[in-house]
């Protein structure tokens, strides 16, 4: 299994769509842990800051991967807030 951290850079151009213009992608170590209870998840399965059983090593620290899902597609991230987050992409071998 491989994991990638995708960072975003805030644009100085006020006309830039979305306010971000650049991404840096780097491969990081990944491990699985015991499944955490689904905090923040609604009965329908949607929610924000839902912990997963994945952890990635970023800046020499193991950080829990969280998920935000309000439609048919979820986004995995690390950090405290999704708006200032680092998104995570996980590929299975």
N, C-alpha and C. Protein backbone atom coordinates (compact mmCIF):
# COMPACT_ATOMS: atom_id res chain seq x y z
N UNK A 1 0.85 -1.17 0.00
CA UNK A 1 0.00 0.00 0.00
C UNK A 1 0.90 1.24 0.00
N UNK A 2 0.51 2.23 -0.78
CA UNK A 2 1.26 3.48 -0.86
C UNK A 2 0.35 4.64 -0.49
N UNK A 3 0.94 5.66 0.13
CA UNK A 3 0.17 6.86 0.48
C UNK A 3 0.91 8.09 -0.02
N UNK A 4 0.15 9.08 -0.44
CA UNK A 4 0.71 10.33 -0.94
C UNK A 4 0.02 11.49 -0.23
N UNK A 5 0.82 12.47 0.18
CA UNK A 5 0.30 13.71 0.77
C UNK A 5 0.29 14.75 -0.33
N UNK A 6 -0.84 15.45 -0.49
CA UNK A 6 -0.98 16.51 -1.48
C UNK A 6 -1.15 17.83 -0.75
N UNK A 7 -0.19 18.73 -0.94
CA UNK A 7 -0.26 20.03 -0.27
C UNK A 7 -0.79 21.07 -1.25
N UNK A 8 -1.34 22.14 -0.71
CA UNK A 8 -1.83 23.21 -1.56
C UNK A 8 -1.17 24.52 -1.16
N UNK A 9 -1.02 25.41 -2.12
CA UNK A 9 -0.38 26.70 -1.89
C UNK A 9 -1.40 27.79 -2.21
N UNK A 10 -1.58 28.71 -1.28
CA UNK A 10 -2.55 29.79 -1.46
C UNK A 10 -2.04 30.76 -2.52
N UNK A 11 -2.93 31.15 -3.41
CA UNK A 11 -2.59 32.05 -4.49
C UNK A 11 -2.64 33.50 -4.02
N UNK A 12 -1.71 34.31 -4.51
CA UNK A 12 -1.73 35.75 -4.24
C UNK A 12 -2.66 36.49 -5.19
N UNK A 13 -3.05 35.82 -6.27
CA UNK A 13 -3.91 36.41 -7.29
C UNK A 13 -5.37 36.29 -6.85
N UNK A 14 -6.07 37.41 -6.61
CA UNK A 14 -7.47 37.34 -6.16
C UNK A 14 -8.40 36.78 -7.24
N UNK A 15 -7.97 36.79 -8.52
CA UNK A 15 -8.79 36.26 -9.60
C UNK A 15 -8.62 34.75 -9.79
N UNK A 16 -7.74 34.14 -9.01
CA UNK A 16 -7.49 32.70 -9.13
C UNK A 16 -8.70 31.92 -8.63
N UNK A 17 -9.21 31.02 -9.43
CA UNK A 17 -10.38 30.22 -9.06
C UNK A 17 -10.00 29.29 -7.91
N UNK A 18 -10.78 29.29 -6.85
CA UNK A 18 -10.54 28.43 -5.71
C UNK A 18 -9.52 28.97 -4.73
N UNK A 19 -8.73 29.96 -5.11
CA UNK A 19 -7.77 30.57 -4.20
C UNK A 19 -6.47 29.81 -4.04
N UNK A 20 -6.33 28.63 -4.65
CA UNK A 20 -5.13 27.83 -4.56
C UNK A 20 -4.66 27.49 -5.97
N UNK A 21 -3.35 27.50 -6.19
CA UNK A 21 -2.88 27.31 -7.55
C UNK A 21 -1.82 26.23 -7.72
N UNK A 22 -1.32 25.66 -6.66
CA UNK A 22 -0.20 24.73 -6.81
C UNK A 22 -0.32 23.60 -5.80
N UNK A 23 0.13 22.42 -6.20
CA UNK A 23 0.14 21.27 -5.30
C UNK A 23 1.51 20.61 -5.34
N UNK A 24 1.94 20.14 -4.20
CA UNK A 24 3.16 19.35 -4.09
C UNK A 24 2.73 17.98 -3.58
N UNK A 25 3.13 16.93 -4.27
CA UNK A 25 2.76 15.57 -3.87
C UNK A 25 4.01 14.83 -3.45
N UNK A 26 3.96 14.19 -2.28
CA UNK A 26 5.09 13.40 -1.82
C UNK A 26 4.60 12.09 -1.23
N UNK A 27 5.39 11.03 -1.45
CA UNK A 27 5.04 9.72 -0.92
C UNK A 27 5.43 9.66 0.55
N UNK A 28 4.57 9.06 1.37
CA UNK A 28 4.83 8.94 2.81
C UNK A 28 4.56 7.51 3.25
N UNK A 29 5.08 7.15 4.43
CA UNK A 29 4.83 5.83 5.00
C UNK A 29 3.38 5.76 5.48
N UNK A 30 2.82 4.55 5.42
CA UNK A 30 1.45 4.34 5.85
C UNK A 30 1.37 3.06 6.68
N UNK A 31 0.47 3.05 7.65
CA UNK A 31 0.21 1.83 8.42
C UNK A 31 -1.27 1.80 8.77
N UNK A 32 -1.76 0.60 9.02
CA UNK A 32 -3.15 0.45 9.45
C UNK A 32 -3.17 0.15 10.94
N UNK A 33 -4.18 0.62 11.61
CA UNK A 33 -4.36 0.41 13.04
C UNK A 33 -5.74 -0.18 13.26
N UNK A 34 -6.09 -0.40 14.50
CA UNK A 34 -7.43 -0.91 14.78
C UNK A 34 -8.46 0.13 14.36
N UNK A 35 -9.59 -0.36 13.93
CA UNK A 35 -10.64 0.52 13.43
C UNK A 35 -11.18 1.39 14.55
N UNK A 36 -11.19 2.68 14.31
CA UNK A 36 -11.69 3.64 15.28
C UNK A 36 -13.21 3.74 15.17
N UNK A 37 -13.89 4.08 16.26
CA UNK A 37 -15.33 4.34 16.14
C UNK A 37 -15.56 5.55 15.25
N UNK A 38 -16.64 5.56 14.55
CA UNK A 38 -16.92 6.61 13.57
C UNK A 38 -17.46 7.88 14.23
N UNK A 39 -16.58 8.62 14.89
CA UNK A 39 -16.99 9.90 15.49
C UNK A 39 -17.29 10.89 14.38
N UNK A 40 -18.30 11.69 14.55
CA UNK A 40 -18.65 12.71 13.58
C UNK A 40 -19.49 12.21 12.43
N UNK A 41 -19.80 10.91 12.40
CA UNK A 41 -20.56 10.34 11.30
C UNK A 41 -22.05 10.37 11.62
N UNK A 42 -22.85 10.78 10.66
CA UNK A 42 -24.29 10.78 10.85
C UNK A 42 -24.84 9.39 10.58
N UNK A 43 -26.10 9.19 10.86
CA UNK A 43 -26.72 7.90 10.65
C UNK A 43 -26.71 7.51 9.17
N UNK A 44 -26.73 8.50 8.29
CA UNK A 44 -26.72 8.23 6.84
C UNK A 44 -25.33 7.87 6.33
N UNK A 45 -24.29 8.01 7.17
CA UNK A 45 -22.93 7.67 6.75
C UNK A 45 -22.11 8.88 6.34
N UNK A 46 -22.71 10.06 6.33
CA UNK A 46 -22.00 11.28 5.97
C UNK A 46 -21.47 11.94 7.23
N UNK A 47 -20.52 12.88 7.05
CA UNK A 47 -20.01 13.62 8.18
C UNK A 47 -18.66 14.23 7.90
N UNK A 48 -18.08 14.84 8.93
CA UNK A 48 -16.76 15.45 8.77
C UNK A 48 -15.86 14.98 9.91
N UNK A 49 -14.58 15.01 9.67
CA UNK A 49 -13.56 14.61 10.65
C UNK A 49 -13.79 13.19 11.16
N UNK A 50 -14.20 12.29 10.27
CA UNK A 50 -14.41 10.89 10.65
C UNK A 50 -13.06 10.18 10.61
N UNK A 51 -12.60 9.63 11.72
CA UNK A 51 -11.30 8.95 11.72
C UNK A 51 -11.35 7.65 10.93
N UNK A 52 -10.22 7.27 10.34
CA UNK A 52 -10.12 6.01 9.62
C UNK A 52 -9.11 5.12 10.34
N UNK A 53 -8.90 3.93 9.84
CA UNK A 53 -7.92 3.03 10.45
C UNK A 53 -6.53 3.20 9.82
N UNK A 54 -6.32 4.25 9.05
CA UNK A 54 -5.02 4.53 8.45
C UNK A 54 -4.28 5.63 9.20
N UNK A 55 -2.96 5.49 9.26
CA UNK A 55 -2.09 6.53 9.80
C UNK A 55 -0.94 6.73 8.82
N UNK A 56 -0.53 7.98 8.61
CA UNK A 56 0.60 8.28 7.73
C UNK A 56 1.67 9.02 8.53
N UNK A 57 2.92 8.84 8.12
CA UNK A 57 4.02 9.51 8.79
C UNK A 57 4.37 10.77 8.01
N UNK A 58 4.13 11.92 8.63
CA UNK A 58 4.38 13.22 8.00
C UNK A 58 5.13 14.09 9.00
N UNK A 59 6.25 14.65 8.58
CA UNK A 59 7.13 15.45 9.46
C UNK A 59 7.55 14.65 10.69
N UNK A 60 7.92 13.39 10.48
CA UNK A 60 8.40 12.48 11.53
C UNK A 60 7.38 12.21 12.63
N UNK A 61 6.09 12.38 12.33
CA UNK A 61 5.02 12.07 13.29
C UNK A 61 3.95 11.24 12.60
N UNK A 62 3.42 10.25 13.31
CA UNK A 62 2.31 9.47 12.79
C UNK A 62 1.02 10.24 13.03
N UNK A 63 0.27 10.48 11.96
CA UNK A 63 -0.96 11.25 12.07
C UNK A 63 -2.13 10.43 11.52
N UNK A 64 -3.25 10.51 12.20
CA UNK A 64 -4.47 9.79 11.82
C UNK A 64 -5.05 10.41 10.55
N UNK A 65 -5.43 9.59 9.60
CA UNK A 65 -6.11 10.05 8.39
C UNK A 65 -7.59 10.15 8.71
N UNK A 66 -8.19 11.30 8.40
CA UNK A 66 -9.62 11.52 8.63
C UNK A 66 -10.32 11.66 7.28
N UNK A 67 -11.63 11.53 7.30
CA UNK A 67 -12.43 11.61 6.08
C UNK A 67 -13.54 12.63 6.25
N UNK A 68 -13.82 13.36 5.18
CA UNK A 68 -14.98 14.25 5.13
C UNK A 68 -15.84 13.77 3.97
N UNK A 69 -17.14 13.60 4.21
CA UNK A 69 -18.02 13.07 3.16
C UNK A 69 -19.41 13.69 3.31
N UNK A 70 -19.83 14.45 2.29
CA UNK A 70 -21.17 15.01 2.27
C UNK A 70 -21.89 14.71 0.97
N UNK A 71 -21.29 13.87 0.13
CA UNK A 71 -21.94 13.45 -1.11
C UNK A 71 -21.49 12.01 -1.39
N UNK A 72 -21.44 11.62 -2.64
CA UNK A 72 -21.07 10.25 -2.97
C UNK A 72 -19.56 10.03 -2.97
N UNK A 73 -18.78 11.05 -2.72
CA UNK A 73 -17.32 10.92 -2.76
C UNK A 73 -16.73 11.50 -1.49
N UNK A 74 -15.80 10.77 -0.88
CA UNK A 74 -15.16 11.23 0.35
C UNK A 74 -13.74 11.72 0.05
N UNK A 75 -13.24 12.62 0.87
CA UNK A 75 -11.87 13.10 0.77
C UNK A 75 -11.15 12.77 2.06
N UNK A 76 -9.97 12.15 1.94
CA UNK A 76 -9.15 11.83 3.11
C UNK A 76 -8.15 12.95 3.32
N UNK A 77 -7.88 13.27 4.60
CA UNK A 77 -6.95 14.35 4.92
C UNK A 77 -6.34 14.13 6.29
N UNK A 78 -5.27 14.89 6.55
CA UNK A 78 -4.70 14.96 7.89
C UNK A 78 -4.70 16.42 8.31
N UNK A 79 -4.69 16.66 9.59
CA UNK A 79 -4.72 18.03 10.09
C UNK A 79 -5.97 18.26 10.92
N UNK A 80 -6.06 19.45 11.49
CA UNK A 80 -7.19 19.75 12.35
C UNK A 80 -8.41 20.21 11.58
N UNK A 81 -8.20 21.02 10.55
CA UNK A 81 -9.31 21.55 9.78
C UNK A 81 -9.14 21.19 8.32
N UNK A 82 -10.23 20.82 7.67
CA UNK A 82 -10.16 20.47 6.26
C UNK A 82 -9.73 21.65 5.41
N UNK A 83 -10.14 22.87 5.77
CA UNK A 83 -9.82 24.04 4.96
C UNK A 83 -8.32 24.33 4.90
N UNK A 84 -7.57 23.91 5.90
CA UNK A 84 -6.12 24.13 5.88
C UNK A 84 -5.37 22.80 5.89
N UNK A 85 -5.96 21.83 5.22
CA UNK A 85 -5.47 20.46 5.36
C UNK A 85 -4.48 20.05 4.29
N UNK A 86 -3.98 18.87 4.51
CA UNK A 86 -3.18 18.15 3.55
C UNK A 86 -4.01 16.94 3.15
N UNK A 87 -4.38 16.84 1.88
CA UNK A 87 -5.18 15.70 1.46
C UNK A 87 -4.29 14.47 1.28
N UNK A 88 -4.88 13.30 1.44
CA UNK A 88 -4.16 12.04 1.38
C UNK A 88 -4.78 11.17 0.28
N UNK A 89 -3.90 10.57 -0.51
CA UNK A 89 -4.32 9.62 -1.53
C UNK A 89 -3.69 8.27 -1.16
N UNK A 90 -4.50 7.22 -1.09
CA UNK A 90 -4.00 5.89 -0.75
C UNK A 90 -4.23 4.96 -1.93
N UNK A 91 -3.16 4.29 -2.34
CA UNK A 91 -3.24 3.31 -3.44
C UNK A 91 -2.91 1.95 -2.91
N UNK A 92 -3.74 0.98 -3.24
CA UNK A 92 -3.46 -0.41 -2.84
C UNK A 92 -2.66 -1.08 -3.93
N UNK A 93 -1.73 -1.95 -3.54
CA UNK A 93 -0.88 -2.65 -4.51
C UNK A 93 -1.66 -3.64 -5.33
